[in-house]
C-alpha atoms as a PDB file:
ATOM      1  CA  SER A   1     -85.357  35.014 -26.011  1.00  0.00           C
ATOM      2  CA  ALA A   2     -84.163  35.321 -22.401  1.00  0.00           C
ATOM      3  CA  LEU A   3     -87.153  37.551 -21.650  1.00  0.00           C
ATOM      4  CA  CYS A   4     -89.508  35.040 -23.229  1.00  0.00           C
ATOM      5  CA  ASP A   5     -87.989  32.292 -21.078  1.00  0.00           C
ATOM      6  CA  ALA A   6     -88.411  34.444 -17.971  1.00  0.00           C
ATOM      7  CA  ALA A   7     -92.051  35.065 -18.810  1.00  0.00           C
ATOM      8  CA  LYS A   8     -92.664  31.281 -18.952  1.00  0.00           C
ATOM      9  CA  ALA A   9     -90.623  30.305 -15.880  1.00  0.00           C
ATOM     10  CA  GLU A  10     -92.168  29.375 -12.545  1.00  0.00           C
ATOM     11  CA  VAL A  11     -89.243  30.807 -10.568  1.00  0.00           C
ATOM     12  CA  ILE A  12     -87.263  33.917 -11.483  1.00  0.00           C
ATOM     13  CA  VAL A  13     -84.005  34.857  -9.770  1.00  0.00           C
ATOM     14  CA  LEU A  14     -82.800  38.407 -10.330  1.00  0.00           C
ATOM     15  CA  PRO A  15     -79.335  39.782  -9.448  1.00  0.00           C
ATOM     16  CA  VAL A  16     -77.977  41.550  -6.387  1.00  0.00           C
ATOM     17  CA  PRO A  17     -78.391  44.463  -6.323  1.00  0.00           C
ATOM     18  CA  MET A  18     -81.514  44.089  -8.416  1.00  0.00           C
ATOM     19  CA  ALA A  19     -81.595  47.579  -9.869  1.00  0.00           C
ATOM     20  CA  LYS A  20     -79.149  50.078 -11.273  1.00  0.00           C
ATOM     21  CA  ASP A  21     -80.429  53.465 -12.450  1.00  0.00           C
ATOM     22  CA  GLY A  22     -83.943  52.112 -12.953  1.00  0.00           C
ATOM     23  CA  THR A  23     -82.824  49.154 -15.046  1.00  0.00           C
ATOM     24  CA  LEU A  24     -82.228  45.516 -14.235  1.00  0.00           C
ATOM     25  CA  ASN A  25     -78.641  45.314 -13.009  1.00  0.00           C
ATOM     26  CA  GLY A  26     -76.306  44.186 -15.798  1.00  0.00           C
ATOM     27  CA  THR A  27     -78.811  44.985 -18.559  1.00  0.00           C
ATOM     28  CA  GLU A  28     -80.450  47.959 -20.255  1.00  0.00           C
ATOM     29  CA  LEU A  29     -83.942  46.637 -19.525  1.00  0.00           C
ATOM     30  CA  PRO A  30     -86.115  49.086 -17.542  1.00  0.00           C
ATOM     31  CA  LEU A  31     -87.634  47.399 -14.512  1.00  0.00           C
ATOM     32  CA  SER A  32     -91.045  48.749 -15.474  1.00  0.00           C
ATOM     33  CA  GLU A  33     -90.858  46.739 -18.706  1.00  0.00           C
ATOM     34  CA  LEU A  34     -89.766  43.606 -16.878  1.00  0.00           C
ATOM     35  CA  TRP A  35     -92.732  43.698 -14.511  1.00  0.00           C
ATOM     36  CA  LYS A  36     -95.133  43.815 -17.473  1.00  0.00           C
ATOM     37  CA  LEU A  37     -93.778  40.470 -18.678  1.00  0.00           C
ATOM     38  CA  LEU A  38     -94.259  38.606 -15.396  1.00  0.00           C
ATOM     39  CA  ARG A  39     -97.286  36.979 -13.755  1.00  0.00           C
ATOM     40  CA  PRO A  40     -98.614  37.016 -10.161  1.00  0.00           C
ATOM     41  CA  THR A  41     -98.231  33.216  -9.945  1.00  0.00           C
ATOM     42  CA  GLN A  42     -94.464  33.328 -10.453  1.00  0.00           C
ATOM     43  CA  GLN A  43     -91.951  33.221  -7.608  1.00  0.00           C
ATOM     44  CA  ILE A  44     -89.653  36.222  -7.987  1.00  0.00           C
ATOM     45  CA  PHE A  45     -86.427  36.523  -6.001  1.00  0.00           C
ATOM     46  CA  ALA A  46     -83.945  39.406  -6.056  1.00  0.00           C
ATOM     47  CA  GLY A  47     -81.190  40.836  -3.896  1.00  0.00           C
ATOM     48  CA  ALA A  48     -80.932  44.226  -2.163  1.00  0.00           C
ATOM     49  CA  VAL A  49     -84.330  45.426  -3.358  1.00  0.00           C
ATOM     50  CA  ARG A  50     -85.049  49.075  -2.601  1.00  0.00           C
ATOM     51  CA  ALA A  51     -88.325  50.069  -0.939  1.00  0.00           C
ATOM     52  CA  GLU A  52     -89.516  51.990  -3.992  1.00  0.00           C
ATOM     53  CA  ASP A  53     -88.887  48.987  -6.230  1.00  0.00           C
ATOM     54  CA  LYS A  54     -90.820  46.710  -3.864  1.00  0.00           C
ATOM     55  CA  GLU A  55     -93.738  49.131  -4.069  1.00  0.00           C
ATOM     56  CA  ALA A  56     -93.559  49.175  -7.882  1.00  0.00           C
ATOM     57  CA  VAL A  57     -93.648  45.358  -7.906  1.00  0.00           C
ATOM     58  CA  ARG A  58     -96.671  45.308  -5.604  1.00  0.00           C
ATOM     59  CA  SER A  59     -98.492  47.836  -7.771  1.00  0.00           C
ATOM     60  CA  CYS A  60     -98.134  45.407 -10.686  1.00  0.00           C
ATOM     61  CA  GLY A  61     -99.731  42.619  -8.666  1.00  0.00           C
ATOM     62  CA  LEU A  62     -96.479  40.709  -8.288  1.00  0.00           C
ATOM     63  CA  THR A  63     -94.698  39.383  -5.195  1.00  0.00           C
ATOM     64  CA  ILE A  64     -90.935  39.629  -4.769  1.00  0.00           C
ATOM     65  CA  THR A  65     -88.711  38.156  -2.048  1.00  0.00           C
ATOM     66  CA  ASP A  66     -85.401  39.789  -1.161  1.00  0.00           C
ATOM     67  CA  TYR A  67     -83.037  36.857  -0.628  1.00  0.00           C
ATOM     68  CA  PHE A  68     -80.205  39.181   0.352  1.00  0.00           C
ATOM     69  CA  SER A  69     -82.021  40.203   3.533  1.00  0.00           C
ATOM     70  CA  ARG A  70     -82.155  36.638   4.852  1.00  0.00           C
ATOM     71  CA  GLU A  71     -80.235  36.242   8.103  1.00  0.00           C
ATOM     72  CA  GLU A  72     -78.447  33.023   7.111  1.00  0.00           C
ATOM     73  CA  LEU A  73     -77.123  34.589   3.899  1.00  0.00           C
ATOM     74  CA  THR A  74     -76.052  37.741   5.720  1.00  0.00           C
ATOM     75  CA  VAL A  75     -74.108  35.702   8.273  1.00  0.00           C
ATOM     76  CA  ARG A  76     -72.508  33.502   5.626  1.00  0.00           C
ATOM     77  CA  ASN A  77     -71.476  36.584   3.640  1.00  0.00           C
ATOM     78  CA  ALA A  78     -69.909  38.098   6.758  1.00  0.00           C
ATOM     79  CA  VAL A  79     -67.225  35.381   6.734  1.00  0.00           C
ATOM     80  CA  PRO A  80     -65.657  36.250   3.337  1.00  0.00           C
ATOM     81  CA  THR A  81     -66.220  39.934   4.089  1.00  0.00           C
ATOM     82  CA  ALA A  82     -64.074  39.666   7.224  1.00  0.00           C
ATOM     83  CA  GLU A  83     -61.412  37.691   5.367  1.00  0.00           C
ATOM     84  CA  GLY A  84     -61.464  40.188   2.504  1.00  0.00           C
ATOM     85  CA  ALA A  85     -61.102  43.088   4.917  1.00  0.00           C
ATOM     86  CA  ILE A  86     -58.010  41.471   6.412  1.00  0.00           C
ATOM     87  CA  GLU A  87     -56.617  40.753   2.941  1.00  0.00           C
ATOM     88  CA  THR A  88     -57.149  44.417   2.035  1.00  0.00           C
ATOM     89  CA  ALA A  89     -55.332  45.563   5.163  1.00  0.00           C
ATOM     90  CA  MET A  90     -52.419  43.222   4.488  1.00  0.00           C
ATOM     91  CA  LYS A  91     -52.053  44.521   0.936  1.00  0.00           C
ATOM     92  CA  HIS A  92     -51.915  48.153   1.984  1.00  0.00           C
ATOM     93  CA  LEU A  93     -49.926  48.007   5.226  1.00  0.00           C
ATOM     94  CA  PRO A  94     -46.122  48.015   5.413  1.00  0.00           C
ATOM     95  CA  VAL A  95     -46.367  46.132   8.720  1.00  0.00           C
ATOM     96  CA  THR A  96     -47.886  42.863   9.874  1.00  0.00           C
ATOM     97  CA  LEU A  97     -51.315  42.834  11.459  1.00  0.00           C
ATOM     98  CA  HIS A  98     -49.682  40.910  14.300  1.00  0.00           C
ATOM     99  CA  GLY A  99     -49.067  43.486  17.013  1.00  0.00           C
ATOM    100  CA  THR A 100     -50.815  46.274  15.090  1.00  0.00           C
ATOM    101  CA  PRO A 101     -53.460  48.380  16.892  1.00  0.00           C
ATOM    102  CA  CYS A 102     -56.730  47.915  14.979  1.00  0.00           C
ATOM    103  CA  LEU A 103     -60.157  49.436  15.606  1.00  0.00           C
ATOM    104  CA  VAL A 104     -63.346  47.755  14.413  1.00  0.00           C
ATOM    105  CA  ILE A 105     -66.291  50.144  14.465  1.00  0.00           C
ATOM    106  CA  GLY A 106     -69.502  48.210  15.058  1.00  0.00           C
ATOM    107  CA  PHE A 107     -70.165  44.816  16.637  1.00  0.00           C
ATOM    108  CA  GLY A 108     -72.705  43.382  14.224  1.00  0.00           C
ATOM    109  CA  ARG A 109     -72.227  40.230  12.146  1.00  0.00           C
ATOM    110  CA  ILE A 110     -69.169  41.493  10.281  1.00  0.00           C
ATOM    111  CA  GLY A 111     -67.687  43.256  13.294  1.00  0.00           C
ATOM    112  CA  LYS A 112     -67.893  40.097  15.428  1.00  0.00           C
ATOM    113  CA  LEU A 113     -66.170  37.896  12.843  1.00  0.00           C
ATOM    114  CA  LEU A 114     -63.593  40.515  11.905  1.00  0.00           C
ATOM    115  CA  ALA A 115     -62.577  41.121  15.518  1.00  0.00           C
ATOM    116  CA  HIS A 116     -62.286  37.355  16.061  1.00  0.00           C
ATOM    117  CA  ASP A 117     -60.079  36.887  12.970  1.00  0.00           C
ATOM    118  CA  LEU A 118     -57.881  39.885  13.777  1.00  0.00           C
ATOM    119  CA  LYS A 119     -57.275  38.651  17.304  1.00  0.00           C
ATOM    120  CA  ALA A 120     -56.357  35.201  15.931  1.00  0.00           C
ATOM    121  CA  LEU A 121     -53.677  36.912  13.835  1.00  0.00           C
ATOM    122  CA  GLY A 122     -52.242  38.600  16.905  1.00  0.00           C
ATOM    123  CA  ALA A 123     -53.525  42.112  16.241  1.00  0.00           C
ATOM    124  CA  GLN A 124     -54.238  44.491  19.120  1.00  0.00           C
ATOM    125  CA  VAL A 125     -58.025  44.603  18.716  1.00  0.00           C
ATOM    126  CA  THR A 126     -60.331  47.363  19.911  1.00  0.00           C
ATOM    127  CA  VAL A 127     -64.037  47.266  19.065  1.00  0.00           C
ATOM    128  CA  SER A 128     -66.513  50.101  19.371  1.00  0.00           C
ATOM    129  CA  ALA A 129     -70.241  49.643  19.962  1.00  0.00           C
ATOM    130  CA  ARG A 130     -73.194  51.617  21.266  1.00  0.00           C
ATOM    131  CA  LYS A 131     -75.135  48.963  23.180  1.00  0.00           C
ATOM    132  CA  LEU A 132     -74.001  48.213  26.711  1.00  0.00           C
ATOM    133  CA  SER A 133     -74.706  44.525  26.062  1.00  0.00           C
ATOM    134  CA  ASP A 134     -72.331  44.576  23.073  1.00  0.00           C
ATOM    135  CA  LEU A 135     -69.665  46.323  25.113  1.00  0.00           C
ATOM    136  CA  ALA A 136     -70.025  43.608  27.752  1.00  0.00           C
ATOM    137  CA  TRP A 137     -69.488  40.897  25.108  1.00  0.00           C
ATOM    138  CA  ILE A 138     -66.527  42.819  23.681  1.00  0.00           C
ATOM    139  CA  ASP A 139     -64.940  42.766  27.124  1.00  0.00           C
ATOM    140  CA  ALA A 140     -65.803  39.088  27.605  1.00  0.00           C
ATOM    141  CA  PHE A 141     -64.069  38.165  24.339  1.00  0.00           C
ATOM    142  CA  GLY A 142     -60.933  39.952  25.467  1.00  0.00           C
ATOM    143  CA  TYR A 143     -61.045  42.947  23.135  1.00  0.00           C
ATOM    144  CA  ALA A 144     -60.590  46.524  24.267  1.00  0.00           C
ATOM    145  CA  GLY A 145     -63.908  48.366  24.070  1.00  0.00           C
ATOM    146  CA  LEU A 146     -64.948  51.899  23.147  1.00  0.00           C
ATOM    147  CA  HIS A 147     -68.362  53.527  22.991  1.00  0.00           C
ATOM    148  CA  THR A 148     -69.020  54.526  19.382  1.00  0.00           C
ATOM    149  CA  ASN A 149     -70.447  57.872  20.453  1.00  0.00           C
ATOM    150  CA  ARG A 150     -67.428  58.643  22.668  1.00  0.00           C
ATOM    151  CA  LEU A 151     -64.424  58.198  20.395  1.00  0.00           C
ATOM    152  CA  SER A 152     -63.048  61.706  20.878  1.00  0.00           C
ATOM    153  CA  GLY A 153     -59.464  61.700  22.120  1.00  0.00           C
ATOM    154  CA  LYS A 154     -59.061  57.928  21.681  1.00  0.00           C
ATOM    155  CA  LEU A 155     -58.130  57.384  18.033  1.00  0.00           C
ATOM    156  CA  ARG A 156     -54.524  58.552  17.865  1.00  0.00           C
ATOM    157  CA  GLY A 157     -52.825  55.184  18.284  1.00  0.00           C
ATOM    158  CA  PHE A 158     -54.675  53.124  15.645  1.00  0.00           C
ATOM    159  CA  ARG A 159     -52.918  51.996  12.469  1.00  0.00           C
ATOM    160  CA  VAL A 160     -56.054  50.523  10.882  1.00  0.00           C
ATOM    161  CA  ILE A 161     -59.720  51.394  11.335  1.00  0.00           C
ATOM    162  CA  PHE A 162     -62.402  49.131   9.861  1.00  0.00           C
ATOM    163  CA  ASN A 163     -65.912  50.577   9.674  1.00  0.00           C
ATOM    164  CA  THR A 164     -68.980  48.319   9.585  1.00  0.00           C
ATOM    165  CA  VAL A 165     -71.608  50.885  10.631  1.00  0.00           C
ATOM    166  CA  PRO A 166     -73.881  52.219   7.825  1.00  0.00           C
ATOM    167  CA  GLN A 167     -73.820  55.850   8.914  1.00  0.00           C
ATOM    168  CA  GLN A 168     -71.190  58.512   9.480  1.00  0.00           C
ATOM    169  CA  VAL A 169     -69.400  57.866  12.751  1.00  0.00           C
ATOM    170  CA  VAL A 170     -65.990  59.463  12.254  1.00  0.00           C
ATOM    171  CA  GLY A 171     -66.289  63.141  11.357  1.00  0.00           C
ATOM    172  CA  GLU A 172     -63.561  65.658  10.603  1.00  0.00           C
ATOM    173  CA  ALA A 173     -62.678  66.369  14.240  1.00  0.00           C
ATOM    174  CA  LEU A 174     -62.082  62.666  14.893  1.00  0.00           C
ATOM    175  CA  LEU A 175     -60.189  62.205  11.629  1.00  0.00           C
ATOM    176  CA  GLN A 176     -57.805  64.964  12.668  1.00  0.00           C
ATOM    177  CA  GLU A 177     -56.771  62.809  15.640  1.00  0.00           C
ATOM    178  CA  LEU A 178     -55.480  59.999  13.420  1.00  0.00           C
ATOM    179  CA  MET A 179     -51.875  59.330  12.595  1.00  0.00           C
ATOM    180  CA  PRO A 180     -51.098  60.293   8.969  1.00  0.00           C
ATOM    181  CA  ASP A 181     -50.376  56.661   8.092  1.00  0.00           C
ATOM    182  CA  CYS A 182     -53.628  55.303   9.537  1.00  0.00           C
ATOM    183  CA  LEU A 183     -55.464  53.086   7.025  1.00  0.00           C
ATOM    184  CA  LEU A 184     -59.257  53.462   6.804  1.00  0.00           C
ATOM    185  CA  ILE A 185     -61.148  50.471   5.395  1.00  0.00           C
ATOM    186  CA  GLU A 186     -64.842  50.919   4.624  1.00  0.00           C
ATOM    187  CA  LEU A 187     -66.990  47.776   4.800  1.00  0.00           C
ATOM    188  CA  SER A 188     -70.396  49.452   4.870  1.00  0.00           C
ATOM    189  CA  SER A 189     -72.496  50.562   1.902  1.00  0.00           C
ATOM    190  CA  VAL A 190     -72.830  53.972   3.579  1.00  0.00           C
ATOM    191  CA  SER A 191     -69.502  55.456   4.621  1.00  0.00           C
ATOM    192  CA  GLY A 192     -68.799  55.758   8.315  1.00  0.00           C
ATOM    193  CA  PHE A 193     -66.128  58.363   7.584  1.00  0.00           C
ATOM    194  CA  ASP A 194     -66.533  61.993   6.519  1.00  0.00           C
ATOM    195  CA  LEU A 195     -65.234  61.536   2.972  1.00  0.00           C
ATOM    196  CA  ALA A 196     -64.743  65.241   2.320  1.00  0.00           C
ATOM    197  CA  ALA A 197     -62.551  65.438   5.422  1.00  0.00           C
ATOM    198  CA  VAL A 198     -60.721  62.242   4.427  1.00  0.00           C
ATOM    199  CA  GLU A 199     -59.772  63.874   1.131  1.00  0.00           C
ATOM    200  CA  LYS A 200     -58.919  67.188   2.773  1.00  0.00           C
ATOM    201  CA  LEU A 201     -56.600  65.479   5.269  1.00  0.00           C
ATOM    202  CA  HIS A 202     -55.074  63.186   2.593  1.00  0.00           C
ATOM    203  CA  LEU A 203     -55.852  60.051   4.572  1.00  0.00           C
ATOM    204  CA  ASN A 204     -55.524  56.555   3.148  1.00  0.00           C
ATOM    205  CA  TYR A 205     -59.127  55.400   2.571  1.00  0.00           C
ATOM    206  CA  ILE A 206     -60.236  52.194   0.851  1.00  0.00           C
ATOM    207  CA  LYS A 207     -63.825  51.384  -0.079  1.00  0.00           C
ATOM    208  CA  ALA A 208     -63.918  47.586   0.178  1.00  0.00           C
ATOM    209  CA  ALA A 209     -67.214  46.781  -1.523  1.00  0.00           C
ATOM    210  CA  GLY A 210     -68.624  43.464  -2.731  1.00  0.00           C
ATOM    211  CA  LEU A 211     -66.016  41.412  -0.906  1.00  0.00           C
ATOM    212  CA  PRO A 212     -67.821  38.029  -0.784  1.00  0.00           C
ATOM    213  CA  GLY A 213     -68.007  37.787  -4.571  1.00  0.00           C
ATOM    214  CA  LYS A 214     -64.453  39.069  -5.018  1.00  0.00           C
ATOM    215  CA  VAL A 215     -62.735  37.158  -2.240  1.00  0.00           C
ATOM    216  CA  ALA A 216     -64.568  33.834  -2.372  1.00  0.00           C
ATOM    217  CA  PRO A 217     -66.963  33.689  -5.352  1.00  0.00           C
ATOM    218  CA  GLU A 218     -67.590  29.947  -4.990  1.00  0.00           C
ATOM    219  CA  THR A 219     -68.444  30.291  -1.296  1.00  0.00           C
ATOM    220  CA  ALA A 220     -70.667  33.315  -1.984  1.00  0.00           C
ATOM    221  CA  ALA A 221     -72.486  31.504  -4.785  1.00  0.00           C
ATOM    222  CA  ARG A 222     -73.005  28.387  -2.664  1.00  0.00           C
ATOM    223  CA  ALA A 223     -74.446  30.460   0.176  1.00  0.00           C
ATOM    224  CA  MET A 224     -76.820  32.205  -2.228  1.00  0.00           C
ATOM    225  CA  LYS A 225     -77.905  28.883  -3.761  1.00  0.00           C
ATOM    226  CA  GLU A 226     -78.626  27.323  -0.360  1.00  0.00           C
ATOM    227  CA  THR A 227     -80.660  30.350   0.675  1.00  0.00           C
ATOM    228  CA  LEU A 228     -82.671  30.345  -2.563  1.00  0.00           C
ATOM    229  CA  CYS A 229     -83.378  26.622  -2.290  1.00  0.00           C
ATOM    230  CA  LYS A 230     -84.769  27.109   1.219  1.00  0.00           C
ATOM    231  CA  LEU A 231     -86.917  30.014   0.057  1.00  0.00           C
ATOM    232  CA  MET A 232     -88.291  27.996  -2.877  1.00  0.00           C
ATOM    233  CA  GLU A 233     -89.159  25.177  -0.497  1.00  0.00           C
ATOM    234  CA  GLY A 234     -90.995  27.645   1.735  1.00  0.00           C
ATOM    235  CA  GLN A 235     -88.591  27.306   4.675  1.00  0.00           C
ATOM    236  CA  GLU A 236     -88.563  30.231   7.082  1.00  0.00           C
END
């Protein structure tokens, strides 16, 4: 009956991520079967839509909007992500974040908010970035700065490293520099750490995924609702 209702609806909101192993996330329904039920006149919204799925939707004459790629939702989600990252660190550290040397890799939305929150807690905050403009802002905000491509020889003193960059940044040679009790917290969908080397060196690694929904589900849901309402009203 849910599928019949979806076929009649003017607006359809699908989950984030939309797909899992070729099926609609949370169901056993193949996406190919779902597209056959829908009409070109319907508004279809989904989160974290892969390029191949967008192409499949287009080939069926349908139009889909990825609400998860909207800037306002990404920024709003960065707030609970930063708070969740700090909560994760607090749970797994035997020391306070106050006075603890922390490295944030990346100065995007999450990196900016995380560095701000860590500094407010009294942590010793270092941020790495690649752009010279970002490094200038890092200095202006009072954080220590490192170039992401020039971390060699500079990682020994950190007790916590948060990664926000969606590609491998810290390989085995860099991981060997770390103190054995250094905590690695992954905030990106693609690990910034060499996971084989992490296991080989017996380092403490935590994959902190889906933090907005886990840390602050009401806030995450409200942000998603506001974004969807704007999209339905045609606001850019």
